[in-house]
Amino acid sequence: MRSGLLARVEESLRNASIAYLPFGGVVPNPRLELAREGVEKAIAFGAELILAVGGGSVIDTAKGIAHGVANPGIDIWKFWAREATLEKTIPVGVILTISAAGSETSDSAVLQNSETHSKRGINTPLNRPAFAILDPELTYTLPKYQIACGATDIMMHTMERYFTQDDGNDLTDAFAEALLRTVIENGKAALENPQDYHAMSELMWCGSVSHNGLTGLGGTGDWATHQLGMQLGAFYDIAHGASLSIMWGYWAKFVRSAKIDRFAKFARNVWGVEAEDDDAAALEGIEKTRQYFASLGMPVKMSEAPEIGIKSDEEIRALAFGTTWEGKRTIGAFKKLGYEEIYEIFKAANE
């Protein structure tokens, strides 16, 4: 690590006479294969805690290793594939270096199976880390693209919860709207100066709060954009934040009529849109969100992502089929989406 953090962590462990085994190699879109290797090494070492030093991919890999250590003899993908129920784990600790995924406080963990081109998540209280250390100065050496991806991911973790059919959660909505406004302001400031302590600390705190459940308390989240984006990640190995910035606008335009007043409220309370007509306000809010992602340097359509470009109709259909887990499920709660609807959204994004 450019910050020298890893050396400092290892020195602290040695000074405390704590035995440890370093294990690296994590990449964005955390690989199942590496987590499996980590399970074997951790079991052989006799690990009692997995310490994740990094961002979301590192933390999710650590969660996978922890589950594997606690359940020897069960391939960890069985938990992600819903073929086995996770009932025990060992503790995971976190030293956070990237404000993005919020995995340091969440009950979620995502792994990508490169063999099947599948990227899946599981949610369980057993995924919540035992502790997390957050120091904004540890994010000062991040490339600007990672900061932008992180801000996008933070916003999306809140927006997935905000767009719900449930009403009457005024305080929860206000939390979500305030968090979004905070990220919008500080995301741009962080890009201008990655060593702006205030901006980086606000993003770090927003990242943790965005995925701990608070911004969706009392409601049913949607998560369709994450499912669409995860399929892009599994097929093309695109950064998670970039997959979300591409897909959200097309999802939003496709589903907005399911509860237009929700999108209008988002536009007015987050972006200050003044249009009186709800549909006009909704469309303006969607466009302002896409423009903000673009201002961070994020792609907002598939052709803007070098990893993807323009795809054939056959490939678009394969994306839609994969998103349904080969026809085994629908996605979304704000509006249920099956294969045909998912195909139309991917088709629209393919520009």
Protein backbone atom coordinates (compact mmCIF):
# COMPACT_ATOMS: atom_id res chain seq x y z
CA MET A 1 0.00 0.00 0.00
CA ARG A 2 1.30 3.43 -0.93
CA SER A 3 0.27 4.74 2.50
CA GLY A 4 2.56 2.29 4.29
CA LEU A 5 -0.45 1.04 6.25
CA LEU A 6 0.23 -2.66 5.82
CA ALA A 7 3.70 -2.38 7.33
CA ARG A 8 2.25 -0.46 10.26
CA VAL A 9 -0.42 -3.09 10.84
CA GLU A 10 2.11 -5.92 10.76
CA GLU A 11 4.39 -4.07 13.18
CA SER A 12 1.48 -3.57 15.59
CA LEU A 13 0.63 -7.26 15.44
CA ARG A 14 4.22 -8.28 16.08
CA ASN A 15 4.53 -5.84 18.98
CA ALA A 16 1.41 -7.37 20.51
CA SER A 17 2.78 -10.88 19.97
CA ILE A 18 -0.17 -11.79 17.77
CA ALA A 19 0.57 -14.48 15.21
CA TYR A 20 -0.62 -13.60 11.71
CA LEU A 21 -0.43 -14.85 8.14
CA PRO A 22 -0.50 -12.22 5.35
CA PHE A 23 -2.75 -13.03 2.41
CA GLY A 24 -3.12 -10.72 -0.58
CA GLY A 25 -4.15 -10.70 -4.19
CA VAL A 26 -7.69 -9.32 -3.91
CA VAL A 27 -8.95 -7.51 -7.01
CA PRO A 28 -12.14 -5.52 -7.71
CA ASN A 29 -15.14 -7.82 -8.15
CA PRO A 30 -13.76 -10.17 -5.45
CA ARG A 31 -13.02 -13.63 -6.76
CA LEU A 32 -14.47 -16.80 -5.31
CA GLU A 33 -11.29 -18.64 -6.31
CA LEU A 34 -9.09 -16.43 -4.14
CA ALA A 35 -11.48 -16.71 -1.20
CA ARG A 36 -11.35 -20.50 -1.48
CA GLU A 37 -7.55 -20.34 -1.40
CA GLY A 38 -7.77 -18.09 1.64
CA VAL A 39 -10.02 -20.59 3.40
CA GLU A 40 -7.44 -23.35 2.96
CA LYS A 41 -4.60 -21.17 4.22
CA ALA A 42 -6.58 -19.83 7.18
CA ILE A 43 -7.64 -23.32 8.29
CA ALA A 44 -4.07 -24.62 8.03
CA PHE A 45 -2.84 -21.60 10.02
CA GLY A 46 -5.51 -21.94 12.69
CA ALA A 47 -6.92 -18.45 12.19
CA GLU A 48 -9.32 -17.16 14.83
CA LEU A 49 -10.02 -13.79 13.20
CA ILE A 50 -9.74 -12.50 9.62
CA LEU A 51 -8.45 -8.92 9.42
CA ALA A 52 -9.42 -7.08 6.24
CA VAL A 53 -7.15 -4.15 5.38
CA GLY A 54 -8.68 -2.45 2.36
CA GLY A 55 -12.05 -1.69 0.79
CA GLY A 56 -15.18 -3.60 -0.10
CA SER A 57 -13.57 -6.33 -2.19
CA VAL A 58 -11.05 -7.08 0.54
CA ILE A 59 -13.73 -7.09 3.22
CA ASP A 60 -16.08 -9.33 1.25
CA THR A 61 -13.23 -11.74 0.55
CA ALA A 62 -12.45 -11.77 4.28
CA LYS A 63 -16.09 -12.55 5.05
CA GLY A 64 -15.99 -15.45 2.61
CA ILE A 65 -12.81 -16.79 4.21
CA ALA A 66 -14.30 -16.45 7.69
CA HIS A 67 -17.39 -18.41 6.66
CA GLY A 68 -15.21 -21.11 5.12
CA VAL A 69 -13.03 -21.45 8.21
CA ALA A 70 -16.11 -21.91 10.39
CA ASN A 71 -17.61 -24.45 8.02
CA PRO A 72 -14.82 -26.76 6.87
CA GLY A 73 -15.95 -29.29 4.33
CA ILE A 74 -18.56 -26.97 2.78
CA ASP A 75 -17.54 -25.12 -0.38
CA ILE A 76 -18.30 -21.47 0.35
CA TRP A 77 -20.01 -20.93 -3.01
CA LYS A 78 -22.83 -23.13 -1.74
CA PHE A 79 -23.76 -20.29 0.62
CA TRP A 80 -23.83 -17.75 -2.21
CA ALA A 81 -25.67 -20.15 -4.55
CA ARG A 82 -28.35 -20.76 -1.87
CA GLU A 83 -27.44 -24.46 -1.74
CA ALA A 84 -26.43 -24.34 1.95
CA THR A 85 -27.49 -22.19 4.89
CA LEU A 86 -24.82 -20.20 6.69
CA GLU A 87 -25.20 -20.71 10.45
CA LYS A 88 -21.78 -19.85 11.87
CA THR A 89 -18.61 -17.90 11.10
CA ILE A 90 -15.51 -16.50 12.79
CA PRO A 91 -14.96 -12.78 13.46
CA VAL A 92 -13.85 -10.33 10.79
CA GLY A 93 -12.13 -7.06 11.64
CA VAL A 94 -11.71 -4.15 9.24
CA ILE A 95 -9.21 -1.35 8.69
CA LEU A 96 -10.94 0.64 5.96
CA THR A 97 -8.97 2.29 3.14
CA ILE A 98 -11.70 3.00 0.58
CA SER A 99 -15.02 4.77 1.17
CA ALA A 100 -17.43 2.92 -1.10
CA ALA A 101 -19.05 -0.44 -0.46
CA GLY A 102 -19.95 0.05 3.20
CA SER A 103 -19.07 -3.59 3.80
CA GLU A 104 -17.43 -2.55 7.06
CA THR A 105 -20.91 -2.14 8.61
CA SER A 106 -23.17 -4.20 6.35
CA ASP A 107 -24.73 -7.64 6.53
CA SER A 108 -23.87 -8.17 2.87
CA ALA A 109 -21.01 -9.89 1.04
CA VAL A 110 -20.47 -10.35 -2.70
CA LEU A 111 -18.27 -12.85 -4.53
CA GLN A 112 -17.72 -13.45 -8.23
CA ASN A 113 -17.48 -16.95 -9.67
CA SER A 114 -15.27 -16.61 -12.75
CA GLU A 115 -16.08 -20.13 -13.94
CA THR A 116 -19.80 -19.47 -14.27
CA HIS A 117 -19.63 -15.68 -14.88
CA SER A 118 -21.82 -15.24 -11.80
CA LYS A 119 -21.56 -12.47 -9.23
CA ARG A 120 -23.80 -12.97 -6.23
CA GLY A 121 -24.37 -11.59 -2.78
CA ILE A 122 -25.68 -12.98 0.48
CA ASN A 123 -27.19 -11.08 3.36
CA THR A 124 -26.96 -12.39 6.92
CA PRO A 125 -26.16 -10.88 10.32
CA LEU A 126 -23.11 -13.17 10.30
CA ASN A 127 -21.60 -10.89 7.64
CA ARG A 128 -21.32 -7.91 9.99
CA PRO A 129 -17.68 -7.32 11.06
CA ALA A 130 -16.79 -7.49 14.73
CA PHE A 131 -15.10 -4.08 14.50
CA ALA A 132 -14.07 -1.50 11.92
CA ILE A 133 -11.42 1.21 12.15
CA LEU A 134 -12.17 4.27 10.02
CA ASP A 135 -9.47 6.91 9.46
CA PRO A 136 -10.07 9.28 6.50
CA GLU A 137 -6.33 9.89 6.14
CA LEU A 138 -5.96 6.29 4.98
CA THR A 139 -7.90 7.23 1.83
CA TYR A 140 -5.60 10.09 0.81
CA THR A 141 -3.62 8.01 -1.73
CA LEU A 142 -6.65 6.71 -3.64
CA PRO A 143 -6.76 7.29 -7.41
CA LYS A 144 -9.51 9.75 -8.34
CA TYR A 145 -11.40 7.10 -10.31
CA GLN A 146 -11.71 4.98 -7.17
CA ILE A 147 -13.01 7.99 -5.25
CA ALA A 148 -15.62 8.53 -7.97
CA CYS A 149 -16.61 4.86 -8.00
CA GLY A 150 -16.88 4.98 -4.22
CA ALA A 151 -19.15 8.04 -4.18
CA THR A 152 -21.37 6.37 -6.77
CA ASP A 153 -21.57 3.15 -4.77
CA ILE A 154 -22.43 5.04 -1.59
CA MET A 155 -25.25 6.89 -3.32
CA MET A 156 -26.59 3.70 -4.86
CA HIS A 157 -26.67 1.84 -1.54
CA THR A 158 -29.01 4.55 -0.28
CA MET A 159 -31.01 4.93 -3.50
CA GLU A 160 -31.66 1.17 -3.67
CA ARG A 161 -33.36 1.55 -0.30
CA TYR A 162 -35.00 4.91 -0.99
CA PHE A 163 -36.94 3.74 -4.03
CA THR A 164 -39.54 1.68 -2.27
CA GLN A 165 -43.29 1.25 -2.53
CA ASP A 166 -43.53 1.79 1.23
CA ASP A 167 -44.73 5.16 2.57
CA GLY A 168 -44.81 6.74 6.00
CA ASN A 169 -41.10 6.51 6.87
CA ASP A 170 -40.51 10.25 7.00
CA LEU A 171 -37.42 10.20 9.23
CA THR A 172 -35.83 7.35 7.26
CA ASP A 173 -36.46 9.25 4.02
CA ALA A 174 -34.95 12.40 5.53
CA PHE A 175 -31.84 10.44 6.58
CA ALA A 176 -31.48 9.10 3.06
CA GLU A 177 -31.99 12.47 1.39
CA ALA A 178 -29.48 14.17 3.69
CA LEU A 179 -26.90 11.45 3.05
CA LEU A 180 -27.33 11.80 -0.71
CA ARG A 181 -26.94 15.59 -0.57
CA THR A 182 -23.82 15.14 1.56
CA VAL A 183 -22.23 12.71 -0.90
CA ILE A 184 -23.11 14.94 -3.86
CA GLU A 185 -21.35 17.90 -2.26
CA ASN A 186 -18.34 16.10 -0.85
CA GLY A 187 -17.80 13.74 -3.76
CA LYS A 188 -16.88 16.66 -6.01
CA ALA A 189 -14.73 18.23 -3.29
CA ALA A 190 -12.86 14.96 -2.73
CA LEU A 191 -12.07 14.67 -6.43
CA GLU A 192 -10.72 18.21 -6.48
CA ASN A 193 -8.51 17.51 -3.47
CA PRO A 194 -8.19 13.87 -2.31
CA GLN A 195 -6.45 15.12 0.83
CA ASP A 196 -9.40 17.26 1.90
CA TYR A 197 -9.93 15.74 5.35
CA HIS A 198 -13.48 17.06 5.70
CA ALA A 199 -14.63 15.76 2.33
CA MET A 200 -12.96 12.38 2.77
CA SER A 201 -14.32 11.98 6.30
CA GLU A 202 -17.84 12.81 5.18
CA LEU A 203 -17.62 10.23 2.37
CA MET A 204 -16.25 7.63 4.79
CA TRP A 205 -19.07 8.18 7.27
CA CYS A 206 -21.68 8.24 4.51
CA GLY A 207 -20.31 4.97 3.15
CA SER A 208 -20.74 3.22 6.48
CA VAL A 209 -24.21 4.63 7.15
CA SER A 210 -25.40 3.98 3.59
CA HIS A 211 -25.12 0.21 3.97
CA ASN A 212 -25.86 -0.45 7.64
CA GLY A 213 -29.62 -0.45 7.10
CA LEU A 214 -30.46 2.98 8.55
CA THR A 215 -31.32 4.69 5.24
CA GLY A 216 -33.92 2.07 4.43
CA LEU A 217 -35.26 1.31 7.89
CA GLY A 218 -38.95 0.39 7.76
CA GLY A 219 -39.05 -0.11 4.01
CA THR A 220 -38.38 -2.77 1.39
CA GLY A 221 -35.39 -1.97 -0.80
CA ASP A 222 -35.30 -2.60 -4.53
CA TRP A 223 -31.72 -3.68 -5.44
CA ALA A 224 -32.48 -4.24 -9.13
CA THR A 225 -29.74 -1.83 -10.24
CA HIS A 226 -27.23 -3.80 -8.20
CA GLN A 227 -28.35 -7.03 -9.85
CA LEU A 228 -28.04 -5.47 -13.31
CA GLY A 229 -24.65 -3.98 -12.44
CA MET A 230 -23.35 -7.18 -10.91
CA GLN A 231 -24.10 -8.98 -14.16
CA LEU A 232 -22.03 -6.40 -16.05
CA GLY A 233 -19.24 -6.96 -13.52
CA ALA A 234 -19.41 -10.73 -13.92
CA PHE A 235 -19.32 -10.57 -17.73
CA TYR A 236 -16.92 -7.68 -18.35
CA ASP A 237 -15.03 -7.19 -15.06
CA ILE A 238 -16.04 -3.54 -14.90
CA ALA A 239 -15.70 -1.65 -11.60
CA HIS A 240 -18.79 -2.02 -9.45
CA GLY A 241 -19.39 1.72 -9.15
CA ALA A 242 -19.17 2.11 -12.93
CA SER A 243 -21.68 -0.68 -13.50
CA LEU A 244 -24.12 1.13 -11.20
CA SER A 245 -23.65 4.55 -12.80
CA ILE A 246 -24.42 2.98 -16.17
CA MET A 247 -27.53 1.06 -15.21
CA TRP A 248 -29.34 3.28 -12.72
CA GLY A 249 -30.66 5.87 -15.15
CA TYR A 250 -32.08 3.26 -17.53
CA TRP A 251 -33.65 1.34 -14.65
CA ALA A 252 -35.13 4.56 -13.27
CA LYS A 253 -36.70 5.64 -16.55
CA PHE A 254 -38.14 2.16 -17.06
CA VAL A 255 -39.77 1.82 -13.63
CA ARG A 256 -40.60 5.40 -12.65
CA SER A 257 -44.31 5.08 -13.52
CA ALA A 258 -44.67 2.40 -10.82
CA LYS A 259 -44.58 5.20 -8.22
CA ILE A 260 -43.95 8.51 -9.92
CA ASP A 261 -44.40 10.56 -6.75
CA ARG A 262 -41.42 8.76 -5.21
CA PHE A 263 -39.15 9.87 -8.03
CA ALA A 264 -40.59 13.38 -7.84
CA LYS A 265 -39.87 13.53 -4.11
CA PHE A 266 -36.30 12.39 -4.77
CA ALA A 267 -35.87 15.08 -7.42
CA ARG A 268 -37.21 17.88 -5.25
CA ASN A 269 -35.61 16.95 -1.92
CA VAL A 270 -32.21 15.81 -3.20
CA TRP A 271 -31.68 17.91 -6.33
CA GLY A 272 -33.88 20.94 -5.64
CA VAL A 273 -36.01 20.40 -8.73
CA GLU A 274 -38.89 22.90 -8.88
CA ALA A 275 -41.11 21.37 -11.57
CA GLU A 276 -44.70 21.06 -10.30
CA ASP A 277 -45.62 18.17 -12.57
CA ASP A 278 -44.47 14.91 -10.96
CA ASP A 279 -43.36 13.19 -14.16
CA ALA A 280 -41.42 16.24 -15.32
CA ALA A 281 -39.79 16.48 -11.89
CA ALA A 282 -38.98 12.77 -11.91
CA LEU A 283 -37.32 12.92 -15.33
CA GLU A 284 -35.31 15.99 -14.32
CA GLY A 285 -34.15 14.28 -11.13
CA ILE A 286 -33.09 11.19 -13.07
CA GLU A 287 -31.15 13.31 -15.56
CA LYS A 288 -29.48 15.37 -12.82
CA THR A 289 -28.33 12.14 -11.18
CA ARG A 290 -26.85 10.88 -14.47
CA GLN A 291 -25.18 14.23 -15.05
CA TYR A 292 -23.66 14.11 -11.59
CA PHE A 293 -22.23 10.65 -12.19
CA ALA A 294 -20.81 11.92 -15.49
CA SER A 295 -19.29 14.95 -13.74
CA LEU A 296 -17.36 12.52 -11.53
CA GLY A 297 -15.94 10.88 -14.65
CA MET A 298 -18.24 7.85 -14.40
CA PRO A 299 -19.80 6.16 -17.46
CA VAL A 300 -23.57 6.53 -17.82
CA LYS A 301 -24.07 4.23 -20.79
CA MET A 302 -22.40 1.00 -21.86
CA SER A 303 -20.47 2.50 -24.78
CA GLU A 304 -18.66 4.86 -22.37
CA ALA A 305 -17.09 1.92 -20.51
CA PRO A 306 -13.97 0.64 -22.34
CA GLU A 307 -14.51 -2.79 -20.81
CA ILE A 308 -17.95 -3.07 -22.44
CA GLY A 309 -18.53 -0.87 -25.49
CA ILE A 310 -21.48 -1.71 -27.75
CA LYS A 311 -22.67 -5.30 -27.55
CA SER A 312 -24.62 -7.51 -29.94
CA ASP A 313 -28.26 -8.34 -29.28
CA GLU A 314 -27.20 -11.89 -28.48
CA GLU A 315 -24.87 -10.63 -25.75
CA ILE A 316 -27.56 -8.34 -24.35
CA ARG A 317 -29.93 -11.30 -24.14
CA ALA A 318 -27.22 -13.32 -22.40
CA LEU A 319 -26.85 -10.52 -19.84
CA ALA A 320 -30.58 -10.55 -19.18
CA PHE A 321 -30.69 -14.34 -18.92
CA GLY A 322 -27.76 -14.35 -16.51
CA THR A 323 -29.41 -11.69 -14.36
CA THR A 324 -32.42 -13.96 -13.89
CA TRP A 325 -30.08 -16.77 -12.78
CA GLU A 326 -30.92 -18.67 -15.94
CA GLY A 327 -34.64 -18.01 -15.64
CA LYS A 328 -34.92 -18.92 -11.96
CA ARG A 329 -35.86 -15.50 -10.56
CA THR A 330 -37.17 -11.99 -11.05
CA ILE A 331 -35.41 -8.95 -9.59
CA GLY A 332 -36.52 -5.77 -7.89
CA ALA A 333 -39.18 -4.81 -5.36
CA PHE A 334 -40.08 -1.29 -6.55
CA LYS A 335 -41.23 -3.02 -9.75
CA LYS A 336 -40.75 -6.72 -10.40
CA LEU A 337 -38.57 -7.32 -13.45
CA GLY A 338 -38.42 -10.56 -15.40
CA TYR A 339 -36.32 -11.54 -18.39
CA GLU A 340 -38.13 -9.35 -20.95
CA GLU A 341 -38.06 -6.23 -18.75
CA ILE A 342 -34.40 -6.78 -17.88
CA TYR A 343 -33.60 -7.27 -21.55
CA GLU A 344 -35.29 -3.94 -22.42
CA ILE A 345 -33.26 -2.12 -19.75
CA PHE A 346 -29.96 -3.60 -20.94
CA LYS A 347 -30.97 -2.87 -24.54
CA ALA A 348 -31.61 0.79 -23.70
CA ALA A 349 -28.24 1.04 -21.92
CA ASN A 350 -26.46 -0.41 -24.95
CA GLU A 351 -25.82 2.97 -26.57
